[in-house]
Amino acid sequence: MRSMMIIGGDHLGQITKKLEGEGFKEVIHVSGRKAQMVKRDIPQKVDIILVLTDFINHNLSGVIKRKAQEQGIPIRFSKRSWSSIYHELHKKEHV
């Protein structure tokens, strides 16, 4: 079972269903609006993090990126559109 944490955006709409179609059985969504988000930990069960860049401030984005790297969790940055999200999920990592 794959799980994803999405940070940013108030509502995901159909994105959750489309992610299920991509094999993500659990989607944890956090709007990222509260200042306390900077202090929140990433759950151990998360396989990948998606940051919706058009709905999050730069400071929180940097904190989440650092925490993800510390825990060895892949992180992707995307606009809220499904085409952007799909592209990020299927993008090959440059090694």
N, C-alpha and C. Protein backbone atom coordinates (compact mmCIF):
# COMPACT_ATOMS: atom_id res chain seq x y z
N MET A 1 0.84 -1.18 0.00
CA MET A 1 0.00 0.00 0.00
C MET A 1 0.88 1.24 0.00
N ARG A 2 0.68 2.10 -0.96
CA ARG A 2 1.45 3.35 -1.05
C ARG A 2 0.66 4.47 -0.41
N SER A 3 1.37 5.37 0.25
CA SER A 3 0.71 6.51 0.87
C SER A 3 1.42 7.80 0.48
N MET A 4 0.65 8.87 0.45
CA MET A 4 1.16 10.18 0.04
C MET A 4 0.68 11.23 1.03
N MET A 5 1.54 12.18 1.30
CA MET A 5 1.15 13.34 2.08
C MET A 5 1.16 14.53 1.14
N ILE A 6 0.02 15.24 1.07
CA ILE A 6 -0.09 16.42 0.23
C ILE A 6 -0.14 17.63 1.15
N ILE A 7 0.69 18.61 0.84
CA ILE A 7 0.73 19.83 1.63
C ILE A 7 0.38 21.00 0.73
N GLY A 8 -0.66 21.74 1.14
CA GLY A 8 -1.10 22.89 0.38
C GLY A 8 -2.48 22.66 -0.22
N GLY A 9 -3.17 23.73 -0.47
CA GLY A 9 -4.51 23.64 -1.05
C GLY A 9 -5.56 23.39 0.02
N ASP A 10 -6.69 24.04 -0.11
CA ASP A 10 -7.76 23.84 0.85
C ASP A 10 -8.56 22.59 0.56
N HIS A 11 -8.83 22.35 -0.70
CA HIS A 11 -9.62 21.19 -1.11
C HIS A 11 -8.93 20.51 -2.28
N LEU A 12 -8.96 19.19 -2.30
CA LEU A 12 -8.30 18.45 -3.36
C LEU A 12 -9.24 18.06 -4.49
N GLY A 13 -10.54 18.10 -4.25
CA GLY A 13 -11.49 17.74 -5.29
C GLY A 13 -11.28 16.32 -5.77
N GLN A 14 -11.16 16.13 -7.07
CA GLN A 14 -11.02 14.79 -7.67
C GLN A 14 -9.59 14.26 -7.62
N ILE A 15 -8.66 15.06 -7.14
CA ILE A 15 -7.25 14.64 -7.11
C ILE A 15 -7.07 13.36 -6.31
N THR A 16 -7.78 13.23 -5.19
CA THR A 16 -7.65 12.03 -4.36
C THR A 16 -8.04 10.78 -5.13
N LYS A 17 -9.15 10.83 -5.86
CA LYS A 17 -9.59 9.68 -6.65
C LYS A 17 -8.59 9.34 -7.75
N LYS A 18 -8.04 10.36 -8.36
CA LYS A 18 -7.06 10.12 -9.42
C LYS A 18 -5.78 9.52 -8.85
N LEU A 19 -5.39 9.93 -7.65
CA LEU A 19 -4.22 9.35 -7.00
C LEU A 19 -4.46 7.88 -6.64
N GLU A 20 -5.69 7.55 -6.25
CA GLU A 20 -6.04 6.15 -5.99
C GLU A 20 -5.83 5.33 -7.26
N GLY A 21 -6.19 5.90 -8.39
CA GLY A 21 -5.97 5.24 -9.67
C GLY A 21 -4.50 5.04 -10.00
N GLU A 22 -3.65 5.83 -9.38
CA GLU A 22 -2.20 5.71 -9.57
C GLU A 22 -1.56 4.80 -8.52
N GLY A 23 -2.39 4.20 -7.65
CA GLY A 23 -1.89 3.25 -6.67
C GLY A 23 -1.70 3.77 -5.26
N PHE A 24 -2.12 4.99 -5.00
CA PHE A 24 -2.01 5.55 -3.64
C PHE A 24 -3.29 5.24 -2.89
N LYS A 25 -3.19 4.37 -1.90
CA LYS A 25 -4.36 3.94 -1.14
C LYS A 25 -4.65 4.86 0.03
N GLU A 26 -3.65 5.61 0.48
CA GLU A 26 -3.87 6.55 1.56
C GLU A 26 -3.28 7.89 1.18
N VAL A 27 -4.11 8.93 1.29
CA VAL A 27 -3.67 10.30 0.99
C VAL A 27 -3.94 11.13 2.24
N ILE A 28 -2.87 11.67 2.81
CA ILE A 28 -2.97 12.53 3.98
C ILE A 28 -2.84 13.96 3.46
N HIS A 29 -3.87 14.77 3.71
CA HIS A 29 -3.86 16.14 3.20
C HIS A 29 -3.77 17.14 4.34
N VAL A 30 -2.84 18.07 4.23
CA VAL A 30 -2.67 19.14 5.20
C VAL A 30 -2.66 20.44 4.41
N SER A 31 -3.55 21.37 4.78
CA SER A 31 -3.68 22.60 4.00
C SER A 31 -2.42 23.46 4.03
N GLY A 32 -1.68 23.42 5.13
CA GLY A 32 -0.46 24.21 5.22
C GLY A 32 -0.69 25.66 5.58
N ARG A 33 -1.89 26.01 5.92
CA ARG A 33 -2.20 27.41 6.25
C ARG A 33 -1.78 27.81 7.65
N LYS A 34 -1.79 26.89 8.57
CA LYS A 34 -1.49 27.20 9.96
C LYS A 34 0.02 27.33 10.18
N ALA A 35 0.40 28.26 11.01
CA ALA A 35 1.82 28.46 11.31
C ALA A 35 2.41 27.24 12.02
N GLN A 36 1.58 26.46 12.72
CA GLN A 36 2.09 25.28 13.44
C GLN A 36 2.58 24.18 12.49
N MET A 37 2.24 24.26 11.22
CA MET A 37 2.68 23.25 10.26
C MET A 37 4.20 23.12 10.25
N VAL A 38 4.89 24.19 10.54
CA VAL A 38 6.36 24.17 10.54
C VAL A 38 6.86 23.18 11.60
N LYS A 39 6.09 23.01 12.68
CA LYS A 39 6.50 22.13 13.78
C LYS A 39 6.00 20.71 13.61
N ARG A 40 5.09 20.47 12.70
CA ARG A 40 4.49 19.14 12.52
C ARG A 40 5.47 18.16 11.90
N ASP A 41 5.45 16.92 12.40
CA ASP A 41 6.31 15.88 11.84
C ASP A 41 5.62 15.16 10.70
N ILE A 42 6.42 14.56 9.85
CA ILE A 42 5.89 13.77 8.75
C ILE A 42 5.66 12.35 9.28
N PRO A 43 4.46 11.80 9.09
CA PRO A 43 4.20 10.44 9.57
C PRO A 43 5.16 9.42 8.94
N GLN A 44 5.55 8.42 9.71
CA GLN A 44 6.49 7.40 9.25
C GLN A 44 5.98 6.63 8.03
N LYS A 45 4.66 6.45 7.94
CA LYS A 45 4.09 5.62 6.88
C LYS A 45 4.02 6.29 5.51
N VAL A 46 4.43 7.53 5.39
CA VAL A 46 4.34 8.27 4.13
C VAL A 46 5.45 7.82 3.18
N ASP A 47 5.04 7.47 1.94
CA ASP A 47 5.99 7.04 0.91
C ASP A 47 6.52 8.19 0.07
N ILE A 48 5.70 9.23 -0.10
CA ILE A 48 6.09 10.37 -0.92
C ILE A 48 5.31 11.60 -0.45
N ILE A 49 5.92 12.76 -0.63
CA ILE A 49 5.27 14.03 -0.27
C ILE A 49 5.09 14.86 -1.53
N LEU A 50 3.91 15.44 -1.65
CA LEU A 50 3.61 16.33 -2.75
C LEU A 50 3.28 17.70 -2.18
N VAL A 51 4.01 18.71 -2.59
CA VAL A 51 3.78 20.08 -2.15
C VAL A 51 3.11 20.84 -3.29
N LEU A 52 1.93 21.37 -3.03
CA LEU A 52 1.22 22.17 -4.03
C LEU A 52 1.73 23.60 -3.93
N THR A 53 2.56 23.98 -4.86
CA THR A 53 3.32 25.22 -4.77
C THR A 53 2.48 26.48 -4.87
N ASP A 54 1.32 26.39 -5.49
CA ASP A 54 0.51 27.60 -5.61
C ASP A 54 -0.35 27.85 -4.38
N PHE A 55 -0.19 27.03 -3.34
CA PHE A 55 -0.98 27.18 -2.12
C PHE A 55 -0.15 27.10 -0.85
N ILE A 56 1.13 27.40 -0.90
CA ILE A 56 1.98 27.24 0.27
C ILE A 56 3.06 28.33 0.27
N ASN A 57 3.45 28.77 1.46
CA ASN A 57 4.48 29.80 1.50
C ASN A 57 5.88 29.19 1.38
N HIS A 58 6.82 30.00 1.00
CA HIS A 58 8.18 29.54 0.73
C HIS A 58 8.85 28.97 1.98
N ASN A 59 8.63 29.57 3.13
CA ASN A 59 9.24 29.11 4.38
C ASN A 59 8.78 27.69 4.71
N LEU A 60 7.48 27.44 4.66
CA LEU A 60 6.96 26.11 4.97
C LEU A 60 7.45 25.09 3.96
N SER A 61 7.51 25.48 2.71
CA SER A 61 8.01 24.59 1.67
C SER A 61 9.44 24.14 1.98
N GLY A 62 10.28 25.08 2.41
CA GLY A 62 11.66 24.75 2.76
C GLY A 62 11.76 23.83 3.96
N VAL A 63 10.93 24.07 4.97
CA VAL A 63 10.93 23.22 6.17
C VAL A 63 10.52 21.80 5.82
N ILE A 64 9.46 21.66 5.02
CA ILE A 64 8.99 20.33 4.61
C ILE A 64 10.05 19.62 3.79
N LYS A 65 10.72 20.34 2.90
CA LYS A 65 11.77 19.73 2.08
C LYS A 65 12.90 19.20 2.96
N ARG A 66 13.31 19.98 3.96
CA ARG A 66 14.39 19.54 4.85
C ARG A 66 13.97 18.30 5.65
N LYS A 67 12.75 18.31 6.19
CA LYS A 67 12.26 17.18 6.97
C LYS A 67 12.17 15.92 6.11
N ALA A 68 11.70 16.07 4.88
CA ALA A 68 11.60 14.94 3.97
C ALA A 68 12.99 14.35 3.68
N GLN A 69 13.96 15.20 3.45
CA GLN A 69 15.33 14.74 3.18
C GLN A 69 15.90 14.02 4.39
N GLU A 70 15.64 14.55 5.59
CA GLU A 70 16.14 13.92 6.81
C GLU A 70 15.56 12.52 7.00
N GLN A 71 14.30 12.32 6.56
CA GLN A 71 13.64 11.04 6.71
C GLN A 71 13.78 10.16 5.47
N GLY A 72 14.44 10.67 4.44
CA GLY A 72 14.64 9.88 3.22
C GLY A 72 13.35 9.68 2.42
N ILE A 73 12.43 10.63 2.51
CA ILE A 73 11.15 10.53 1.80
C ILE A 73 11.24 11.38 0.54
N PRO A 74 10.91 10.79 -0.62
CA PRO A 74 10.90 11.59 -1.85
C PRO A 74 9.88 12.71 -1.76
N ILE A 75 10.21 13.84 -2.35
CA ILE A 75 9.31 15.00 -2.33
C ILE A 75 9.19 15.55 -3.74
N ARG A 76 7.98 15.92 -4.10
CA ARG A 76 7.70 16.51 -5.41
C ARG A 76 6.99 17.84 -5.20
N PHE A 77 7.20 18.76 -6.11
CA PHE A 77 6.56 20.07 -6.08
C PHE A 77 5.75 20.23 -7.35
N SER A 78 4.52 20.68 -7.21
CA SER A 78 3.63 20.77 -8.35
C SER A 78 2.58 21.86 -8.13
N LYS A 79 2.02 22.33 -9.23
CA LYS A 79 0.82 23.16 -9.15
C LYS A 79 -0.34 22.21 -8.83
N ARG A 80 -1.51 22.76 -8.53
CA ARG A 80 -2.64 21.95 -8.11
C ARG A 80 -3.31 21.22 -9.27
N SER A 81 -3.00 21.51 -10.48
CA SER A 81 -3.65 20.86 -11.62
C SER A 81 -3.23 19.40 -11.73
N TRP A 82 -4.18 18.54 -12.15
CA TRP A 82 -3.88 17.12 -12.26
C TRP A 82 -2.76 16.86 -13.26
N SER A 83 -2.72 17.58 -14.36
CA SER A 83 -1.66 17.34 -15.35
C SER A 83 -0.28 17.62 -14.75
N SER A 84 -0.15 18.65 -13.93
CA SER A 84 1.12 18.95 -13.28
C SER A 84 1.48 17.88 -12.25
N ILE A 85 0.49 17.45 -11.48
CA ILE A 85 0.72 16.41 -10.47
C ILE A 85 1.14 15.12 -11.16
N TYR A 86 0.41 14.71 -12.19
CA TYR A 86 0.71 13.48 -12.92
C TYR A 86 2.14 13.52 -13.48
N HIS A 87 2.49 14.65 -14.07
CA HIS A 87 3.84 14.81 -14.63
C HIS A 87 4.91 14.63 -13.54
N GLU A 88 4.71 15.23 -12.38
CA GLU A 88 5.69 15.11 -11.29
C GLU A 88 5.80 13.68 -10.77
N LEU A 89 4.68 12.99 -10.70
CA LEU A 89 4.70 11.61 -10.20
C LEU A 89 5.42 10.66 -11.14
N HIS A 90 5.39 10.97 -12.43
CA HIS A 90 5.98 10.07 -13.42
C HIS A 90 7.32 10.56 -13.97
N LYS A 91 7.80 11.66 -13.41
CA LYS A 91 9.10 12.21 -13.82
C LYS A 91 10.22 11.33 -13.28
N LYS A 92 11.16 11.04 -14.12
CA LYS A 92 12.33 10.25 -13.70
C LYS A 92 13.30 11.14 -12.95
N GLU A 93 13.88 10.59 -11.90
CA GLU A 93 14.90 11.33 -11.12
C GLU A 93 16.20 11.36 -11.91
N HIS A 94 16.86 12.50 -11.89
CA HIS A 94 18.17 12.63 -12.52
C HIS A 94 19.21 12.25 -11.49
N VAL A 95 20.02 11.28 -11.81
CA VAL A 95 21.04 10.80 -10.88
C VAL A 95 22.39 11.29 -11.28
